[in-house]
Protein backbone atom coordinates (compact mmCIF):
# COMPACT_ATOMS: atom_id res chain seq x y z
CA MET A 1 5.43 9.53 -2.67
CA LYS A 2 3.18 12.41 -1.68
CA GLN A 3 0.51 10.07 -0.29
CA ILE A 4 3.01 7.96 1.62
CA ARG A 5 4.77 11.02 3.04
CA TYR A 6 1.42 12.58 4.04
CA ILE A 7 0.27 9.48 5.95
CA ALA A 8 3.68 9.15 7.63
CA ASN A 9 3.53 12.82 8.68
CA VAL A 10 -0.03 12.58 10.00
CA GLY A 11 -0.08 9.15 11.65
CA GLY A 12 3.57 8.15 11.88
CA ILE A 13 5.54 5.61 9.89
CA ASP A 14 4.00 2.72 11.83
CA VAL A 15 0.60 3.26 10.17
CA VAL A 16 1.79 3.38 6.55
CA GLY A 17 1.05 0.31 4.47
CA LEU A 18 0.36 -0.72 0.92
CA GLY A 19 -3.20 -1.79 0.24
CA PRO A 20 -4.28 -4.78 -1.82
CA ASP A 21 -5.61 -2.69 -4.70
CA TRP A 22 -3.88 -4.93 -7.21
CA VAL A 23 -6.71 -7.43 -6.92
CA LEU A 24 -8.43 -5.10 -9.35
CA GLY A 25 -7.83 -5.39 -13.05
CA ASP A 26 -10.73 -7.47 -14.34
CA PRO A 27 -13.09 -4.97 -16.02
CA VAL A 28 -16.12 -7.26 -15.66
CA ARG A 29 -15.53 -8.20 -12.01
CA ASP A 30 -14.41 -4.74 -10.94
CA VAL A 31 -17.47 -2.77 -12.14
CA ARG A 32 -19.47 -3.29 -8.92
CA TYR A 33 -16.49 -2.60 -6.66
CA LEU A 34 -15.43 0.57 -8.46
CA HIS A 35 -18.99 1.90 -8.56
CA ASN A 36 -19.59 1.18 -4.86
CA THR A 37 -16.46 3.10 -3.91
CA GLY A 38 -16.91 5.98 -6.35
CA GLN A 39 -13.76 5.05 -8.25
CA GLU A 40 -15.07 4.55 -11.77
CA ASP A 41 -12.21 6.68 -13.07
CA LEU A 42 -9.50 4.84 -11.09
CA THR A 43 -6.07 4.94 -12.71
CA TRP A 44 -2.75 3.43 -11.67
CA ALA A 45 0.56 5.16 -11.20
CA LYS A 46 2.85 4.42 -14.14
CA GLY A 47 5.16 1.59 -13.24
CA LEU A 48 2.89 0.39 -10.41
CA GLU A 49 0.04 -1.14 -12.39
CA ASP A 50 0.35 -4.48 -10.59
CA SER A 51 2.14 -6.03 -7.63
CA SER A 52 5.01 -7.34 -9.77
CA GLU A 53 6.10 -3.72 -10.14
CA LEU A 54 6.48 -3.01 -6.41
CA PRO A 55 10.30 -2.92 -6.73
CA ASN A 56 9.77 0.28 -8.76
CA LEU A 57 8.72 1.92 -5.50
CA TRP A 58 11.86 1.28 -3.44
CA ASP A 59 14.28 3.74 -5.08
CA PRO A 60 11.76 6.62 -5.05
CA LEU A 61 11.16 5.94 -1.34
CA VAL A 62 14.90 6.18 -0.71
CA GLY A 63 14.98 9.36 -2.80
CA ALA A 64 12.15 10.77 -0.70
CA GLY A 65 14.27 10.29 2.43
CA PHE A 66 12.77 7.11 3.85
CA THR A 67 15.24 4.85 5.67
CA ALA A 68 15.65 1.14 4.98
CA ALA A 69 13.80 0.34 8.22
CA GLU A 70 10.92 2.63 7.24
CA ILE A 71 10.72 1.10 3.76
CA GLU A 72 10.58 -2.36 5.33
CA LYS A 73 7.60 -1.22 7.40
CA ILE A 74 5.88 0.29 4.35
CA ALA A 75 6.58 -2.79 2.22
CA GLY A 76 4.80 -5.15 4.57
CA GLY A 77 6.17 -4.95 8.08
CA ASN A 78 3.35 -2.74 9.30
CA MET A 79 0.71 -5.02 7.78
CA LEU A 80 2.27 -8.10 9.38
CA ARG A 81 2.35 -6.33 12.75
CA LEU A 82 -1.29 -5.31 12.35
CA PHE A 83 -2.37 -8.85 11.52
CA LYS A 84 -0.47 -10.25 14.49
CA ASP A 85 -2.00 -7.65 16.79
CA VAL A 86 -5.63 -8.05 15.72
CA LEU A 87 -6.10 -11.61 14.50
CA PRO A 88 -6.81 -14.39 17.01
CA GLY A 89 -3.62 -16.28 17.87
CA GLY A 90 -1.49 -13.71 16.07
CA ASN A 91 0.94 -13.30 18.94
CA ASP A 92 1.09 -16.96 19.96
């Protein structure tokens, strides 16, 4: 919640999004990625170890004061908007 609130405070709710970090999880495949990004000691928040656990994030966001519209943006609306804005043919 602290990271999400910080980004929302600094850049506004329209820049907050969830990254695709859940592609990690294979210790053999991930070694090069984690080393290249200085994240050898990367750990996951309890209850958010993979994308199937995203629903565990919604109630804490409500508890942190985010509105339903803001949560929709965080959950994927901002990423969809970004893709439409920057990818060729996104607004066709």
